[in-house]
Amino acid sequence: MQTPHHYSTRITKTEDAKPRKKFPLVYIVLVLSFCTFAGSIWFSSYAKKVALQRQPVYERQKHQVQDEIHRLELEESTLTSVQRIRKIATELGMVEPTETSQVLWDK
């Protein structure tokens, strides 16, 4: 009878492979990712707390800016009104254009 040695010419090792030491690297990566995750949670909660504290200040400033914009829009509409421009033109002695001058001006 033949032994298994005769069936295969391939040499096999009977020694156990030495365990690799990559597990500490995996643990280090796991700890670093956990620390990054915990840091991001802390930072986002801190940023939210700061935003909630500053929100009334920002709202007040926003309303002040909006009020200023509305005031300037009213002032602009007053300054560019047709009645005001006609009044200034009359004070300066200007005359309103005739129909003929308007046609020439458009060309």
N, C-alpha and C. Protein backbone atom coordinates (compact mmCIF):
# COMPACT_ATOMS: atom_id res chain seq x y z
N MET A 1 0.81 -1.17 0.00
CA MET A 1 0.00 0.00 0.00
C MET A 1 0.86 1.25 0.00
N GLN A 2 0.36 2.27 -0.65
CA GLN A 2 1.16 3.47 -0.77
C GLN A 2 0.80 4.44 0.35
N THR A 3 1.77 5.18 0.75
CA THR A 3 1.54 6.19 1.78
C THR A 3 1.19 7.52 1.10
N PRO A 4 0.56 8.43 1.84
CA PRO A 4 0.21 9.72 1.24
C PRO A 4 1.40 10.45 0.67
N HIS A 5 2.58 10.10 1.16
CA HIS A 5 3.78 10.76 0.67
C HIS A 5 3.99 10.45 -0.81
N HIS A 6 3.60 9.32 -1.24
CA HIS A 6 3.80 8.93 -2.62
C HIS A 6 2.81 9.63 -3.55
N TYR A 7 1.66 10.05 -3.06
CA TYR A 7 0.65 10.71 -3.89
C TYR A 7 1.02 12.14 -4.24
N SER A 8 1.71 12.81 -3.34
CA SER A 8 2.00 14.21 -3.55
C SER A 8 3.47 14.44 -3.42
N THR A 9 3.97 15.25 -4.33
CA THR A 9 5.38 15.60 -4.24
C THR A 9 5.57 16.94 -3.58
N ARG A 10 4.45 17.58 -3.25
CA ARG A 10 4.52 18.90 -2.62
C ARG A 10 4.90 18.75 -1.16
N ILE A 11 5.79 19.62 -0.75
CA ILE A 11 6.25 19.57 0.62
C ILE A 11 5.30 20.42 1.46
N THR A 12 4.81 19.86 2.53
CA THR A 12 3.92 20.60 3.42
C THR A 12 4.61 20.80 4.74
N LYS A 13 4.33 21.94 5.32
CA LYS A 13 4.92 22.24 6.62
C LYS A 13 3.94 21.79 7.69
N THR A 14 4.46 21.19 8.66
CA THR A 14 3.62 20.77 9.77
C THR A 14 3.70 21.73 10.92
N GLU A 15 4.57 22.72 10.79
CA GLU A 15 4.71 23.71 11.85
C GLU A 15 3.50 24.64 11.84
N ASP A 16 3.10 25.07 13.01
CA ASP A 16 2.01 26.06 13.11
C ASP A 16 2.55 27.43 12.72
N ALA A 17 1.74 28.15 11.99
CA ALA A 17 2.15 29.50 11.59
C ALA A 17 2.16 30.40 12.81
N LYS A 18 3.12 31.28 12.86
CA LYS A 18 3.21 32.20 13.99
C LYS A 18 2.08 33.23 13.88
N PRO A 19 1.42 33.51 14.96
CA PRO A 19 0.35 34.50 14.89
C PRO A 19 0.93 35.88 14.57
N ARG A 20 0.23 36.57 13.71
CA ARG A 20 0.70 37.91 13.34
C ARG A 20 0.33 38.89 14.44
N LYS A 21 1.10 39.94 14.49
CA LYS A 21 0.85 40.96 15.51
C LYS A 21 0.16 42.17 14.90
N LYS A 22 -0.87 41.94 14.11
CA LYS A 22 -1.62 43.04 13.52
C LYS A 22 -2.79 43.43 14.39
N PHE A 23 -3.10 42.65 15.37
CA PHE A 23 -4.22 42.99 16.25
C PHE A 23 -4.01 44.31 16.98
N PRO A 24 -2.81 44.59 17.49
CA PRO A 24 -2.65 45.90 18.14
C PRO A 24 -2.91 47.06 17.19
N LEU A 25 -2.55 46.92 15.93
CA LEU A 25 -2.81 47.97 14.94
C LEU A 25 -4.32 48.17 14.77
N VAL A 26 -5.06 47.08 14.73
CA VAL A 26 -6.51 47.17 14.61
C VAL A 26 -7.09 47.88 15.83
N TYR A 27 -6.60 47.55 17.00
CA TYR A 27 -7.10 48.20 18.22
C TYR A 27 -6.76 49.69 18.24
N ILE A 28 -5.59 50.03 17.76
CA ILE A 28 -5.19 51.45 17.72
C ILE A 28 -6.11 52.21 16.76
N VAL A 29 -6.38 51.63 15.60
CA VAL A 29 -7.28 52.29 14.64
C VAL A 29 -8.68 52.40 15.24
N LEU A 30 -9.14 51.38 15.92
CA LEU A 30 -10.45 51.40 16.55
C LEU A 30 -10.54 52.49 17.62
N VAL A 31 -9.53 52.61 18.44
CA VAL A 31 -9.51 53.64 19.49
C VAL A 31 -9.46 55.03 18.88
N LEU A 32 -8.65 55.21 17.85
CA LEU A 32 -8.56 56.53 17.21
C LEU A 32 -9.88 56.92 16.55
N SER A 33 -10.55 55.96 15.91
CA SER A 33 -11.84 56.29 15.30
C SER A 33 -12.89 56.59 16.36
N PHE A 34 -12.85 55.89 17.48
CA PHE A 34 -13.78 56.19 18.58
C PHE A 34 -13.51 57.58 19.14
N CYS A 35 -12.25 57.93 19.32
CA CYS A 35 -11.91 59.27 19.82
C CYS A 35 -12.37 60.35 18.84
N THR A 36 -12.20 60.12 17.55
CA THR A 36 -12.67 61.08 16.55
C THR A 36 -14.17 61.23 16.61
N PHE A 37 -14.88 60.13 16.75
CA PHE A 37 -16.33 60.16 16.85
C PHE A 37 -16.78 60.92 18.10
N ALA A 38 -16.15 60.62 19.24
CA ALA A 38 -16.51 61.30 20.48
C ALA A 38 -16.18 62.79 20.39
N GLY A 39 -15.07 63.13 19.78
CA GLY A 39 -14.71 64.54 19.61
C GLY A 39 -15.69 65.28 18.73
N SER A 40 -16.14 64.64 17.68
CA SER A 40 -17.11 65.30 16.79
C SER A 40 -18.44 65.51 17.50
N ILE A 41 -18.85 64.57 18.33
CA ILE A 41 -20.08 64.74 19.11
C ILE A 41 -19.93 65.90 20.07
N TRP A 42 -18.80 65.98 20.76
CA TRP A 42 -18.59 67.06 21.72
C TRP A 42 -18.57 68.41 21.00
N PHE A 43 -17.87 68.47 19.87
CA PHE A 43 -17.78 69.73 19.14
C PHE A 43 -19.13 70.19 18.63
N SER A 44 -19.93 69.27 18.10
CA SER A 44 -21.24 69.66 17.58
C SER A 44 -22.16 70.12 18.70
N SER A 45 -22.09 69.47 19.87
CA SER A 45 -22.94 69.91 20.98
C SER A 45 -22.48 71.27 21.50
N TYR A 46 -21.18 71.50 21.54
CA TYR A 46 -20.67 72.80 21.99
C TYR A 46 -21.05 73.90 21.00
N ALA A 47 -20.94 73.59 19.69
CA ALA A 47 -21.30 74.58 18.67
C ALA A 47 -22.79 74.91 18.76
N LYS A 48 -23.61 73.93 19.03
CA LYS A 48 -25.05 74.18 19.15
C LYS A 48 -25.34 75.04 20.37
N LYS A 49 -24.64 74.79 21.46
CA LYS A 49 -24.83 75.59 22.67
C LYS A 49 -24.45 77.05 22.41
N VAL A 50 -23.34 77.27 21.74
CA VAL A 50 -22.89 78.63 21.43
C VAL A 50 -23.89 79.31 20.48
N ALA A 51 -24.39 78.56 19.50
CA ALA A 51 -25.35 79.13 18.55
C ALA A 51 -26.64 79.53 19.27
N LEU A 52 -27.09 78.72 20.21
CA LEU A 52 -28.30 79.06 20.96
C LEU A 52 -28.09 80.29 21.84
N GLN A 53 -26.89 80.46 22.35
CA GLN A 53 -26.59 81.64 23.16
C GLN A 53 -26.54 82.90 22.30
N ARG A 54 -26.04 82.78 21.09
CA ARG A 54 -25.87 83.94 20.23
C ARG A 54 -27.10 84.26 19.39
N GLN A 55 -28.06 83.37 19.34
CA GLN A 55 -29.22 83.56 18.47
C GLN A 55 -29.98 84.85 18.74
N PRO A 56 -30.26 85.23 20.00
CA PRO A 56 -30.97 86.51 20.21
C PRO A 56 -30.19 87.71 19.68
N VAL A 57 -28.88 87.69 19.81
CA VAL A 57 -28.06 88.80 19.31
C VAL A 57 -28.17 88.87 17.79
N TYR A 58 -28.08 87.71 17.14
CA TYR A 58 -28.18 87.68 15.68
C TYR A 58 -29.55 88.12 15.20
N GLU A 59 -30.59 87.70 15.90
CA GLU A 59 -31.96 88.10 15.53
C GLU A 59 -32.13 89.62 15.65
N ARG A 60 -31.60 90.19 16.74
CA ARG A 60 -31.70 91.64 16.92
C ARG A 60 -30.96 92.38 15.81
N GLN A 61 -29.76 91.92 15.49
CA GLN A 61 -28.99 92.55 14.42
C GLN A 61 -29.70 92.40 13.08
N LYS A 62 -30.30 91.25 12.84
CA LYS A 62 -31.02 91.02 11.60
C LYS A 62 -32.20 91.98 11.47
N HIS A 63 -32.94 92.17 12.56
CA HIS A 63 -34.07 93.09 12.52
C HIS A 63 -33.61 94.54 12.31
N GLN A 64 -32.49 94.91 12.92
CA GLN A 64 -31.96 96.25 12.73
C GLN A 64 -31.59 96.48 11.26
N VAL A 65 -30.95 95.50 10.65
CA VAL A 65 -30.55 95.63 9.25
C VAL A 65 -31.78 95.69 8.35
N GLN A 66 -32.79 94.85 8.63
CA GLN A 66 -34.01 94.88 7.83
C GLN A 66 -34.73 96.22 7.96
N ASP A 67 -34.76 96.77 9.18
CA ASP A 67 -35.39 98.08 9.38
C ASP A 67 -34.64 99.16 8.60
N GLU A 68 -33.32 99.10 8.62
CA GLU A 68 -32.52 100.07 7.87
C GLU A 68 -32.78 99.94 6.37
N ILE A 69 -32.89 98.72 5.88
CA ILE A 69 -33.18 98.51 4.45
C ILE A 69 -34.54 99.11 4.09
N HIS A 70 -35.55 98.89 4.92
CA HIS A 70 -36.88 99.44 4.64
C HIS A 70 -36.86 100.97 4.68
N ARG A 71 -36.12 101.52 5.63
CA ARG A 71 -36.02 102.98 5.73
C ARG A 71 -35.36 103.55 4.47
N LEU A 72 -34.30 102.89 4.01
CA LEU A 72 -33.61 103.37 2.80
C LEU A 72 -34.48 103.21 1.56
N GLU A 73 -35.26 102.16 1.48
CA GLU A 73 -36.17 101.99 0.34
C GLU A 73 -37.23 103.09 0.33
N LEU A 74 -37.75 103.45 1.50
CA LEU A 74 -38.72 104.55 1.57
C LEU A 74 -38.08 105.87 1.16
N GLU A 75 -36.87 106.10 1.63
CA GLU A 75 -36.17 107.33 1.28
C GLU A 75 -35.90 107.38 -0.23
N GLU A 76 -35.52 106.24 -0.81
CA GLU A 76 -35.28 106.20 -2.25
C GLU A 76 -36.56 106.50 -3.03
N SER A 77 -37.67 105.90 -2.62
CA SER A 77 -38.92 106.15 -3.34
C SER A 77 -39.35 107.60 -3.20
N THR A 78 -39.06 108.22 -2.06
CA THR A 78 -39.38 109.64 -1.89
C THR A 78 -38.50 110.50 -2.79
N LEU A 79 -37.21 110.20 -2.83
CA LEU A 79 -36.29 111.01 -3.62
C LEU A 79 -36.49 110.85 -5.12
N THR A 80 -36.97 109.71 -5.55
CA THR A 80 -37.13 109.50 -6.99
C THR A 80 -38.58 109.63 -7.45
N SER A 81 -39.42 110.20 -6.61
CA SER A 81 -40.82 110.35 -7.02
C SER A 81 -40.94 111.38 -8.15
N VAL A 82 -41.94 111.20 -8.97
CA VAL A 82 -42.14 112.08 -10.13
C VAL A 82 -42.46 113.50 -9.67
N GLN A 83 -43.27 113.63 -8.63
CA GLN A 83 -43.63 114.96 -8.14
C GLN A 83 -42.39 115.72 -7.66
N ARG A 84 -41.49 115.07 -6.97
CA ARG A 84 -40.28 115.74 -6.47
C ARG A 84 -39.40 116.16 -7.64
N ILE A 85 -39.26 115.30 -8.63
CA ILE A 85 -38.40 115.64 -9.77
C ILE A 85 -39.00 116.80 -10.55
N ARG A 86 -40.32 116.82 -10.73
CA ARG A 86 -40.95 117.95 -11.42
C ARG A 86 -40.78 119.23 -10.64
N LYS A 87 -40.87 119.15 -9.30
CA LYS A 87 -40.70 120.34 -8.47
C LYS A 87 -39.29 120.90 -8.62
N ILE A 88 -38.28 120.02 -8.58
CA ILE A 88 -36.89 120.46 -8.73
C ILE A 88 -36.67 121.03 -10.12
N ALA A 89 -37.24 120.41 -11.13
CA ALA A 89 -37.09 120.92 -12.51
C ALA A 89 -37.71 122.29 -12.65
N THR A 90 -38.86 122.51 -12.02
CA THR A 90 -39.50 123.82 -12.07
C THR A 90 -38.65 124.86 -11.35
N GLU A 91 -38.08 124.50 -10.20
CA GLU A 91 -37.22 125.42 -9.44
C GLU A 91 -35.98 125.80 -10.23
N LEU A 92 -35.47 124.88 -11.03
CA LEU A 92 -34.28 125.15 -11.83
C LEU A 92 -34.60 125.83 -13.15
N GLY A 93 -35.88 126.02 -13.42
CA GLY A 93 -36.27 126.71 -14.64
C GLY A 93 -36.25 125.82 -15.86
N MET A 94 -36.32 124.55 -15.67
CA MET A 94 -36.34 123.62 -16.81
C MET A 94 -37.78 123.49 -17.30
N VAL A 95 -37.90 123.12 -18.54
CA VAL A 95 -39.24 122.95 -19.12
C VAL A 95 -39.43 121.47 -19.46
N GLU A 96 -40.66 121.04 -19.47
CA GLU A 96 -40.95 119.66 -19.84
C GLU A 96 -40.79 119.52 -21.34
N PRO A 97 -40.30 118.40 -21.79
CA PRO A 97 -40.10 118.20 -23.22
C PRO A 97 -41.44 118.12 -23.94
N THR A 98 -41.42 118.59 -25.18
CA THR A 98 -42.62 118.52 -26.02
C THR A 98 -42.66 117.15 -26.69
N GLU A 99 -43.75 116.91 -27.37
CA GLU A 99 -43.90 115.62 -28.06
C GLU A 99 -42.81 115.43 -29.11
N THR A 100 -42.43 116.48 -29.82
CA THR A 100 -41.42 116.39 -30.87
C THR A 100 -40.06 116.04 -30.29
N SER A 101 -39.71 116.67 -29.18
CA SER A 101 -38.40 116.39 -28.58
C SER A 101 -38.35 114.98 -28.01
N GLN A 102 -39.46 114.46 -27.56
CA GLN A 102 -39.47 113.10 -27.06
C GLN A 102 -39.25 112.10 -28.19
N VAL A 103 -39.84 112.37 -29.35
CA VAL A 103 -39.65 111.47 -30.49
C VAL A 103 -38.21 111.50 -30.92
N LEU A 104 -37.59 112.68 -31.01
CA LEU A 104 -36.20 112.78 -31.40
C LEU A 104 -35.29 112.11 -30.38
N TRP A 105 -35.64 112.23 -29.15
CA TRP A 105 -34.80 111.64 -28.08
C TRP A 105 -34.83 110.11 -28.17
N ASP A 106 -35.97 109.54 -28.51
CA ASP A 106 -36.09 108.08 -28.60
C ASP A 106 -35.27 107.52 -29.74
N LYS A 107 -35.05 108.31 -30.81
CA LYS A 107 -34.30 107.80 -31.94
C LYS A 107 -32.84 107.82 -31.59
